[in-house]
Protein backbone atom coordinates (compact mmCIF):
# COMPACT_ATOMS: atom_id res chain seq x y z
CA MET A 1 73.01 91.30 -77.70
CA LEU A 2 71.43 91.72 -74.38
CA ASN A 3 72.83 94.49 -72.28
CA ILE A 4 73.79 94.05 -68.70
CA ASN A 5 70.62 95.64 -67.35
CA THR A 6 68.41 93.25 -69.23
CA ILE A 7 70.35 90.29 -67.90
CA ILE A 8 70.13 91.59 -64.36
CA ILE A 9 66.36 92.05 -64.67
CA ILE A 10 65.98 88.55 -66.03
CA LEU A 11 68.02 87.12 -63.18
CA ILE A 12 65.95 89.06 -60.63
CA VAL A 13 62.73 87.69 -62.17
CA ILE A 14 64.10 84.15 -62.08
CA ILE A 15 65.13 84.59 -58.48
CA PHE A 16 61.64 85.82 -57.53
CA VAL A 17 60.03 82.89 -59.32
CA LEU A 18 62.31 80.42 -57.56
CA VAL A 19 61.64 82.05 -54.22
CA GLY A 20 57.90 81.80 -54.84
CA VAL A 21 58.14 78.16 -55.85
CA ILE A 22 60.29 77.38 -52.83
CA SER A 23 57.84 79.21 -50.56
CA VAL A 24 54.92 77.25 -51.95
CA MET A 25 56.82 73.98 -51.55
CA TYR A 26 57.78 74.89 -48.00
CA MET A 27 54.19 75.68 -47.11
CA LYS A 28 53.06 72.37 -48.55
CA ILE A 29 55.74 70.45 -46.69
CA ARG A 30 54.87 72.22 -43.42
CA ASN A 31 51.17 71.54 -43.90
CA LEU A 32 51.95 67.88 -44.67
CA LYS A 33 54.00 67.57 -41.49
CA ASN A 34 51.21 69.18 -39.45
CA LEU A 35 48.73 66.77 -41.04
CA GLN A 36 50.96 63.79 -40.23
CA LYS A 37 51.39 65.05 -36.68
CA THR A 38 47.65 65.48 -36.34
CA ARG A 39 47.11 61.96 -37.72
CA MET A 40 49.68 60.60 -35.27
CA ASN A 41 47.92 62.36 -32.40
CA VAL A 42 44.58 60.95 -33.59
CA ASP A 43 46.09 57.45 -33.91
CA ASN A 44 47.63 57.72 -30.48
CA ASN A 45 44.34 58.89 -29.02
CA LEU A 46 42.52 56.00 -30.69
CA LEU A 47 45.17 53.57 -29.44
CA TYR A 48 44.84 54.82 -25.87
CA LEU A 49 41.06 54.79 -26.15
CA LEU A 50 41.23 51.19 -27.35
CA ILE A 51 43.53 49.90 -24.63
CA ASP A 52 41.57 51.79 -21.95
CA LYS A 53 38.37 50.04 -23.03
CA MET A 54 39.96 46.58 -22.99
CA PRO A 55 39.00 44.41 -19.94
CA ASP A 56 42.66 43.34 -19.61
CA PHE A 57 45.87 44.60 -18.05
CA ILE A 58 47.80 46.27 -20.90
CA TYR A 59 51.17 47.90 -20.25
CA ILE A 60 54.70 48.63 -21.55
CA LYS A 61 57.73 48.71 -19.25
CA ASP A 62 61.32 49.77 -19.77
CA ILE A 63 64.37 47.63 -19.07
CA GLU A 64 64.11 48.52 -15.36
CA SER A 65 60.51 47.25 -15.27
CA ARG A 66 59.12 50.78 -14.88
CA PHE A 67 55.79 51.54 -16.44
CA ILE A 68 55.94 53.58 -19.65
CA ILE A 69 52.37 52.96 -20.77
CA ALA A 70 49.44 51.51 -18.80
CA ASN A 71 45.70 51.28 -19.43
CA LYS A 72 42.85 52.32 -17.15
CA TYR A 73 42.02 48.72 -16.13
CA LEU A 74 45.50 48.33 -14.66
CA ALA A 75 45.21 51.74 -12.97
CA ASP A 76 41.91 50.68 -11.37
CA VAL A 77 43.42 47.47 -10.05
CA ALA A 78 46.45 49.43 -8.76
CA GLN A 79 43.88 51.74 -7.12
CA VAL A 80 45.17 54.97 -8.72
CA SER A 81 42.90 57.53 -10.36
CA ASN A 82 44.77 57.90 -13.67
CA PRO A 83 46.98 55.61 -15.77
CA ASP A 84 49.60 58.42 -15.84
CA ASP A 85 50.05 57.88 -12.09
CA LEU A 86 51.68 54.54 -12.96
CA ILE A 87 54.30 56.01 -15.31
CA GLY A 88 57.83 55.68 -13.93
CA LYS A 89 56.75 53.36 -11.14
CA THR A 90 57.15 49.59 -10.67
CA ASP A 91 55.04 46.74 -9.35
CA PHE A 92 56.74 47.14 -5.98
CA ASP A 93 54.76 50.35 -5.56
CA PHE A 94 51.38 48.57 -5.84
CA TYR A 95 51.70 44.85 -5.12
CA PRO A 96 52.90 42.76 -2.16
CA ILE A 97 56.66 42.31 -2.27
CA GLU A 98 56.56 38.56 -3.02
CA MET A 99 54.20 39.08 -5.94
CA ALA A 100 56.08 42.14 -7.28
CA GLN A 101 59.41 40.27 -7.02
CA LYS A 102 58.05 37.40 -9.13
CA PHE A 103 56.80 39.85 -11.81
CA PHE A 104 60.20 41.61 -11.84
CA ASN A 105 62.16 38.34 -12.12
CA ASP A 106 60.00 37.16 -15.04
CA GLU A 107 60.43 40.46 -16.91
CA GLN A 108 64.19 40.60 -16.41
CA ARG A 109 64.50 37.06 -17.71
CA ILE A 110 62.49 38.01 -20.83
CA ILE A 111 64.71 41.08 -21.40
CA LYS A 112 67.88 38.99 -21.09
CA THR A 113 66.77 35.90 -23.00
CA ARG A 114 64.34 37.60 -25.44
CA LEU A 115 62.02 34.63 -24.82
CA SER A 116 58.34 35.37 -24.37
CA MET A 117 56.03 33.93 -21.75
CA VAL A 118 52.58 33.22 -23.20
CA ASN A 119 49.31 32.57 -21.31
CA VAL A 120 51.02 31.75 -18.05
CA GLU A 121 48.63 31.42 -15.11
CA GLU A 122 49.78 33.31 -12.03
CA PHE A 123 48.37 35.03 -8.99
CA GLY A 124 47.38 38.71 -9.11
CA LEU A 125 44.94 41.12 -7.46
CA ASP A 126 41.44 42.31 -8.40
CA TYR A 127 39.63 45.62 -7.82
CA ASN A 128 39.06 44.74 -4.17
CA ASN A 129 42.72 43.87 -3.64
CA LYS A 130 41.77 40.19 -3.32
CA PRO A 131 43.88 37.38 -4.81
CA THR A 132 42.87 36.33 -8.28
CA ILE A 133 44.20 34.20 -11.11
CA VAL A 134 45.61 36.03 -14.15
CA SER A 135 46.54 34.63 -17.55
CA THR A 136 49.67 36.67 -18.45
CA THR A 137 51.49 37.14 -21.75
CA LYS A 138 54.78 39.13 -21.78
CA VAL A 139 57.01 39.66 -24.85
CA PRO A 140 60.29 41.59 -25.30
CA TRP A 141 60.02 45.14 -26.74
CA ILE A 142 62.70 45.34 -29.45
CA ASN A 143 63.31 48.50 -31.55
CA HIS A 144 64.24 48.66 -35.24
CA GLU A 145 67.92 48.48 -34.35
CA GLY A 146 67.40 45.15 -32.54
CA THR A 147 67.87 46.55 -29.07
CA VAL A 148 65.61 45.37 -26.20
CA LYS A 149 63.91 48.46 -24.83
CA GLY A 150 61.73 46.69 -22.26
CA ILE A 151 58.65 44.40 -22.26
CA ILE A 152 55.05 44.54 -23.49
CA GLY A 153 52.51 42.80 -21.28
CA ILE A 154 48.86 41.74 -21.37
CA GLY A 155 47.01 40.04 -18.50
CA ARG A 156 43.45 38.78 -18.11
CA ASN A 157 41.55 37.89 -14.92
CA ILE A 158 40.48 34.26 -15.39
CA SER A 159 39.30 33.49 -11.85
CA ALA A 160 35.70 33.01 -12.98
CA LEU A 161 36.85 30.76 -15.81
CA LYS A 162 39.04 28.76 -13.43
CA GLN A 163 36.11 28.40 -11.04
CA ILE A 164 33.93 27.14 -13.88
CA GLU A 165 36.75 24.85 -14.98
CA ASN A 166 37.12 23.49 -11.44
CA GLU A 167 33.37 23.00 -11.19
CA LEU A 168 33.41 21.19 -14.53
CA LEU A 169 36.30 19.03 -13.33
CA THR A 170 34.40 18.29 -10.13
CA GLN A 171 31.29 17.45 -12.13
CA THR A 172 33.39 15.27 -14.42
CA GLU A 173 34.76 13.41 -11.42
CA ASN A 174 31.27 13.08 -10.00
CA LEU A 175 30.04 11.82 -13.35
CA LYS A 176 32.87 9.30 -13.43
CA GLU A 177 31.93 8.11 -9.95
CA SER A 178 28.27 8.03 -10.94
CA ASN A 179 29.19 6.12 -14.06
CA VAL A 180 31.07 3.58 -11.97
CA LEU A 181 28.05 3.26 -9.66
CA LEU A 182 25.75 2.93 -12.65
CA GLU A 183 27.94 0.22 -14.12
CA GLU A 184 27.89 -1.61 -10.79
CA GLN A 185 24.12 -1.17 -10.56
CA TYR A 186 23.78 -2.31 -14.16
CA GLU A 187 25.74 -5.46 -13.34
CA GLN A 188 23.53 -6.00 -10.29
CA ILE A 189 20.42 -5.45 -12.40
CA GLN A 190 21.75 -7.89 -14.99
CA GLN A 191 22.37 -10.43 -12.26
CA GLN A 192 18.95 -9.80 -10.73
CA THR A 193 17.38 -10.06 -14.19
CA GLU A 194 19.02 -13.44 -14.71
CA GLU A 195 17.82 -14.54 -11.30
CA LEU A 196 14.31 -13.28 -12.07
CA LEU A 197 14.34 -15.13 -15.38
CA MET A 198 15.34 -18.29 -13.56
CA GLN A 199 12.61 -17.69 -10.97
CA ALA A 200 10.12 -17.01 -13.77
CA GLU A 201 11.07 -20.28 -15.40
CA ASN A 202 10.72 -22.08 -12.06
CA LEU A 203 7.34 -20.37 -11.57
CA LYS A 204 6.24 -21.58 -15.00
CA ILE A 205 7.19 -25.11 -14.02
CA LEU A 206 5.41 -24.74 -10.67
CA ASN A 207 2.41 -23.20 -12.41
CA ARG A 208 2.17 -26.16 -14.77
CA GLU A 209 2.43 -28.50 -11.80
CA LEU A 210 -0.24 -26.49 -9.93
CA HIS A 211 -2.54 -26.60 -12.94
CA LYS A 212 -2.00 -30.30 -13.13
CA SER A 213 -2.61 -30.61 -9.41
CA ASN A 214 -5.78 -28.47 -9.68
CA ASP A 215 -7.04 -30.58 -12.55
CA THR A 216 -6.41 -33.68 -10.47
CA LYS A 217 -8.14 -32.06 -7.49
CA ASP A 218 -11.15 -31.07 -9.61
CA LYS A 219 -11.43 -34.60 -10.95
CA PHE A 220 -11.10 -35.94 -7.43
CA ILE A 221 -13.84 -33.57 -6.20
CA SER A 222 -16.10 -34.62 -9.06
CA ILE A 223 -15.56 -38.27 -8.19
CA ILE A 224 -16.28 -37.56 -4.50
CA ALA A 225 -19.39 -35.58 -5.42
CA HIS A 226 -20.66 -38.37 -7.63
CA ASP A 227 -19.77 -41.23 -5.27
CA LEU A 228 -21.03 -39.55 -2.09
CA LYS A 229 -24.13 -37.73 -3.29
CA ASN A 230 -25.84 -40.90 -4.51
CA PRO A 231 -25.58 -42.75 -1.15
CA PHE A 232 -26.73 -39.63 0.72
CA ASN A 233 -29.69 -39.20 -1.62
CA ALA A 234 -30.58 -42.87 -1.10
CA ILE A 235 -30.43 -42.50 2.71
CA ILE A 236 -32.45 -39.27 2.64
CA ASN A 237 -35.08 -40.63 0.24
CA PHE A 238 -35.49 -44.02 1.99
CA SER A 239 -35.67 -42.41 5.45
CA GLU A 240 -38.32 -39.97 4.20
CA LEU A 241 -40.20 -42.85 2.57
CA LEU A 242 -40.19 -44.67 5.90
CA LEU A 243 -41.43 -41.56 7.68
CA ILE A 244 -44.24 -41.01 5.16
CA LYS A 245 -45.47 -44.63 4.67
CA TYR A 246 -44.79 -46.27 8.02
CA MET A 247 -45.11 -43.39 10.46
CA ASP A 248 -48.37 -44.79 11.87
CA THR A 249 -47.08 -48.35 12.22
CA MET A 250 -43.65 -47.54 13.72
CA GLN A 251 -43.01 -47.49 17.41
CA PRO A 252 -41.98 -44.12 18.90
CA LYS A 253 -38.39 -45.27 19.31
CA GLN A 254 -38.24 -46.42 15.70
CA LEU A 255 -39.82 -43.20 14.50
CA GLU A 256 -37.25 -41.18 16.42
CA MET A 257 -34.36 -43.22 14.99
CA VAL A 258 -35.59 -42.86 11.39
CA SER A 259 -36.07 -39.11 11.94
CA ILE A 260 -32.52 -38.82 13.28
CA ILE A 261 -31.19 -40.75 10.28
CA ASN A 262 -33.08 -38.46 7.92
CA SER A 263 -32.01 -35.30 9.74
CA SER A 264 -28.37 -36.35 10.14
CA SER A 265 -28.10 -37.41 6.50
CA LYS A 266 -29.51 -34.04 5.37
CA ILE A 267 -27.10 -32.14 7.62
CA ALA A 268 -24.21 -34.26 6.34
CA TYR A 269 -25.44 -33.75 2.76
CA SER A 270 -25.48 -29.97 3.31
CA LEU A 271 -21.95 -30.09 4.70
CA LEU A 272 -20.84 -32.13 1.70
CA GLU A 273 -22.42 -29.68 -0.72
CA ASN A 274 -20.81 -26.73 1.09
CA LEU A 275 -17.39 -28.37 0.83
CA LEU A 276 -17.89 -29.14 -2.85
CA PHE A 277 -19.17 -25.64 -3.57
CA TRP A 278 -16.26 -24.11 -1.68
CA ALA A 279 -13.69 -26.22 -3.53
CA LYS A 280 -15.21 -25.35 -6.90
CA ASN A 281 -15.47 -21.68 -5.97
CA GLN A 282 -11.77 -21.61 -5.07
CA SER A 283 -10.90 -22.84 -8.57
CA ASN A 284 -13.48 -20.49 -10.21
CA THR A 285 -15.30 -23.42 -11.81
CA ILE A 286 -18.81 -22.46 -10.64
CA PRO A 287 -20.48 -20.40 -13.38
CA CYS A 288 -23.26 -18.00 -12.41
CA ARG A 289 -26.26 -18.56 -14.69
CA PRO A 290 -29.08 -16.20 -13.61
CA ILE A 291 -32.66 -16.82 -14.71
CA LEU A 292 -36.09 -15.52 -13.70
CA PHE A 293 -37.85 -17.60 -11.04
CA ASN A 294 -40.31 -17.29 -8.18
CA ILE A 295 -38.34 -17.05 -4.93
CA SER A 296 -41.19 -18.51 -2.87
CA ASP A 297 -40.80 -21.86 -4.67
CA GLN A 298 -37.18 -22.15 -3.50
CA ILE A 299 -38.12 -21.10 0.03
CA LYS A 300 -40.78 -23.82 0.15
CA GLU A 301 -38.35 -26.42 -1.22
CA VAL A 302 -35.71 -25.60 1.41
CA ILE A 303 -38.27 -25.69 4.23
CA GLU A 304 -39.45 -29.12 3.11
CA PHE A 305 -35.86 -30.34 2.88
CA LEU A 306 -35.00 -29.25 6.45
CA GLU A 307 -38.41 -29.74 8.06
CA VAL A 308 -37.43 -33.01 9.78
CA CYS A 309 -34.30 -31.32 11.24
CA GLY A 310 -36.55 -28.71 12.80
CA LYS A 311 -39.08 -31.26 14.12
CA LEU A 312 -36.34 -33.17 15.96
CA LYS A 313 -35.84 -30.03 18.10
CA ASN A 314 -39.58 -29.23 18.04
CA ILE A 315 -38.82 -25.96 16.22
CA SER A 316 -41.67 -24.47 14.22
CA ILE A 317 -40.75 -22.99 10.83
CA VAL A 318 -43.24 -20.33 9.73
CA ASN A 319 -43.33 -19.42 6.03
CA GLU A 320 -44.66 -15.89 5.48
CA SER A 321 -43.11 -15.36 2.05
CA THR A 322 -44.98 -13.65 -0.79
CA THR A 323 -45.89 -15.95 -3.66
CA ASN A 324 -45.38 -13.58 -6.57
CA LEU A 325 -41.81 -12.23 -6.23
CA ILE A 326 -39.81 -12.96 -9.40
CA VAL A 327 -36.05 -12.60 -8.99
CA TYR A 328 -33.20 -12.78 -11.47
CA SER A 329 -30.49 -15.06 -10.04
CA ASP A 330 -28.81 -18.46 -10.26
CA VAL A 331 -31.31 -21.00 -8.83
CA ASN A 332 -28.72 -23.45 -7.47
CA MET A 333 -26.74 -20.72 -5.75
CA ILE A 334 -29.88 -19.24 -4.16
CA LEU A 335 -30.95 -22.70 -2.95
CA ALA A 336 -27.53 -23.14 -1.34
CA ILE A 337 -27.84 -19.74 0.38
CA LEU A 338 -31.35 -20.42 1.70
CA ARG A 339 -30.38 -23.92 2.83
CA ASN A 340 -27.37 -22.58 4.74
CA LEU A 341 -29.29 -19.74 6.38
CA LEU A 342 -32.21 -21.96 7.45
CA SER A 343 -29.87 -24.76 8.56
CA ASN A 344 -27.95 -22.26 10.75
CA ALA A 345 -31.19 -20.94 12.21
CA ILE A 346 -32.24 -24.49 13.19
CA LYS A 347 -28.74 -25.23 14.49
CA PHE A 348 -28.60 -22.22 16.85
CA THR A 349 -32.24 -22.26 17.99
CA LYS A 350 -33.09 -24.11 21.18
CA LYS A 351 -35.78 -26.79 21.41
CA ASN A 352 -39.36 -25.52 21.11
CA GLY A 353 -38.09 -22.39 19.36
CA GLN A 354 -39.43 -20.66 16.29
CA ILE A 355 -38.07 -19.58 12.89
CA CYS A 356 -39.89 -17.20 10.57
CA ILE A 357 -39.20 -16.71 6.85
CA SER A 358 -40.67 -13.65 5.13
CA THR A 359 -40.18 -11.62 1.96
CA THR A 360 -40.48 -7.95 1.06
CA SER A 361 -39.44 -5.88 -1.95
CA ASP A 362 -38.82 -2.39 -3.28
CA GLU A 363 -38.45 -1.10 -6.83
CA GLU A 364 -35.17 -2.94 -7.47
CA ASN A 365 -34.66 -5.75 -4.95
CA CYS A 366 -36.32 -8.62 -3.19
CA TYR A 367 -35.51 -9.20 0.51
CA VAL A 368 -35.72 -12.64 2.12
CA THR A 369 -35.66 -12.41 5.93
CA ILE A 370 -34.93 -15.46 8.13
CA SER A 371 -35.40 -14.71 11.86
CA ASP A 372 -35.02 -17.00 14.86
CA ASN A 373 -35.29 -16.69 18.64
CA GLY A 374 -32.11 -18.69 19.24
CA ILE A 375 -28.93 -18.04 21.21
CA GLY A 376 -27.85 -15.04 19.08
CA MET A 377 -24.38 -13.49 18.81
CA ASP A 378 -22.36 -10.73 20.44
CA GLU A 379 -20.76 -7.84 18.49
CA GLN A 380 -17.40 -9.60 18.16
CA GLN A 381 -18.99 -12.71 16.66
CA LEU A 382 -21.12 -10.57 14.37
CA LYS A 383 -18.04 -8.74 12.99
CA LYS A 384 -16.31 -12.03 12.08
CA LEU A 385 -19.47 -13.71 10.83
CA PHE A 386 -18.41 -13.88 7.16
CA SER A 387 -14.70 -14.40 7.88
CA THR A 388 -12.62 -17.58 7.72
CA ASP A 389 -10.85 -16.87 11.04
CA LYS A 390 -14.00 -16.99 13.16
CA GLU A 391 -14.42 -19.47 15.99
CA ILE A 392 -16.59 -22.48 15.14
CA VAL A 393 -19.54 -22.61 17.57
CA LYS A 394 -21.54 -25.80 18.06
CA GLY A 395 -25.33 -25.77 17.85
CA THR A 396 -27.77 -25.97 20.73
CA SER A 397 -27.90 -29.78 20.38
CA GLY A 398 -24.17 -30.16 19.82
CA GLU A 399 -24.39 -29.86 16.02
CA SER A 400 -20.97 -29.28 14.39
CA GLY A 401 -20.09 -27.48 11.16
CA THR A 402 -17.25 -26.27 8.94
CA GLY A 403 -17.97 -22.54 9.00
CA LEU A 404 -18.01 -22.48 5.19
CA GLY A 405 -21.77 -22.07 4.79
CA LEU A 406 -21.96 -18.34 5.45
CA ILE A 407 -18.74 -17.62 3.51
CA LEU A 408 -20.19 -19.37 0.47
CA SER A 409 -23.55 -17.68 0.98
CA ILE A 410 -22.17 -14.13 0.97
CA GLU A 411 -20.02 -14.92 -2.07
CA PHE A 412 -22.95 -16.42 -4.00
CA ALA A 413 -25.12 -13.44 -3.06
CA ARG A 414 -22.52 -11.01 -4.44
CA GLN A 415 -22.13 -13.00 -7.65
CA ASN A 416 -25.89 -12.63 -8.16
CA GLY A 417 -25.90 -8.88 -7.56
CA GLY A 418 -27.14 -9.08 -3.98
CA THR A 419 -25.81 -9.28 -0.45
CA ILE A 420 -26.58 -10.58 3.06
CA PHE A 421 -27.21 -8.40 6.12
CA ALA A 422 -27.13 -9.80 9.66
CA LYS A 423 -28.20 -8.49 13.04
CA SER A 424 -28.21 -10.36 16.32
CA GLU A 425 -28.43 -10.07 20.08
CA LEU A 426 -27.28 -12.62 22.65
CA GLU A 427 -30.05 -14.91 23.89
CA ARG A 428 -32.62 -13.04 21.78
CA GLY A 429 -31.94 -14.52 18.37
CA SER A 430 -30.57 -13.54 14.96
CA THR A 431 -31.95 -12.13 11.72
CA PHE A 432 -30.42 -12.64 8.27
CA ILE A 433 -31.66 -10.65 5.28
CA LEU A 434 -30.82 -11.80 1.75
CA SER A 435 -31.22 -9.15 -0.98
CA LEU A 436 -31.58 -10.19 -4.63
CA PRO A 437 -32.33 -8.17 -7.78
CA LEU A 438 -35.85 -8.40 -9.15
CA ARG A 439 -36.64 -9.29 -12.77
CA THR A 440 -34.78 -7.17 -15.39
């Protein structure tokens, strides 16, 4: 059996062991509590760091609406240096009384009813103490025992968003108005389109009628040309035959009458041809068919054709043209031009006057010059010479005309790659120069 001393020693050892175990356990528990406290401090620091970095109002208030926690953003708006300066204070310390009273009433209602207000738009203040629009969310702060300890609030400045929203609404309204205007314009365009289609259809009908009318006119002109040219040719040829065969046997009075018949018929024939040419030119039915020919042959032919007209006024026509100039043009058109230019020279030259026809050339063009010492023109008449609105002037012996000769002449010259120049001086005569391309 164990004696009493042995038992006592054993008990003492057991006690020491237990004390050591308890000490170790205590140290561990204390260290664990310190670690938890440290973690809580770290978590709290992180939480405060987070809410301070948030661009929103973040706060907790007690049941009297006093601040318990507030972030830096709210402190900046309240214009205090530190969030701790807000603790224990209310909105009445920082906001206008009407605004603070509204905040207080909302929070007291939440505390009493335990009903949250979420994303409610209300007026607040910004950094510069200017009114702004804030989207506010406030919820009741309830502890684990179910008791309301206050409220938790978050607010965000949405003034910029509201401005954008208002601008978008304005743009939407403008777009709606524009859309209405566009619809009205579309209806007008539709109506105008229908009217244009109707007008187009009417124009087609009128165009067909005009084509038919032009065809009729062209046929009528052809008939006139055929029916009138033959009698004029007969008069011209018979009167010339009388002048050639019976000039020596006719009495002066008879000779004068036959010469007048011949001259008048040629003038009338020229007028007829001008009218026919003009009518055909208006309907684009005169083709330009250029060939190579000697221009002096056409000059000689025109002089012979109008020689009697010149003799009636005792006008001498001098031909100084070169005999070897080959041009590339439409023969009939060039004959019409020369006939009109020489006929005008005779018409506006006084009795006993003189007309000279000459030719020159350069590397590209031939130039036919018809000069007279007639009545001439002033600058105003010269400017309107190739125009349809010019005043019709009678010749020195009362000769009339249509004014179409020069208009046709300039047009024919252009169609053949040439042109007509004119210079004149009152009472000193006129000079017309026809340019035509040489052989190609």
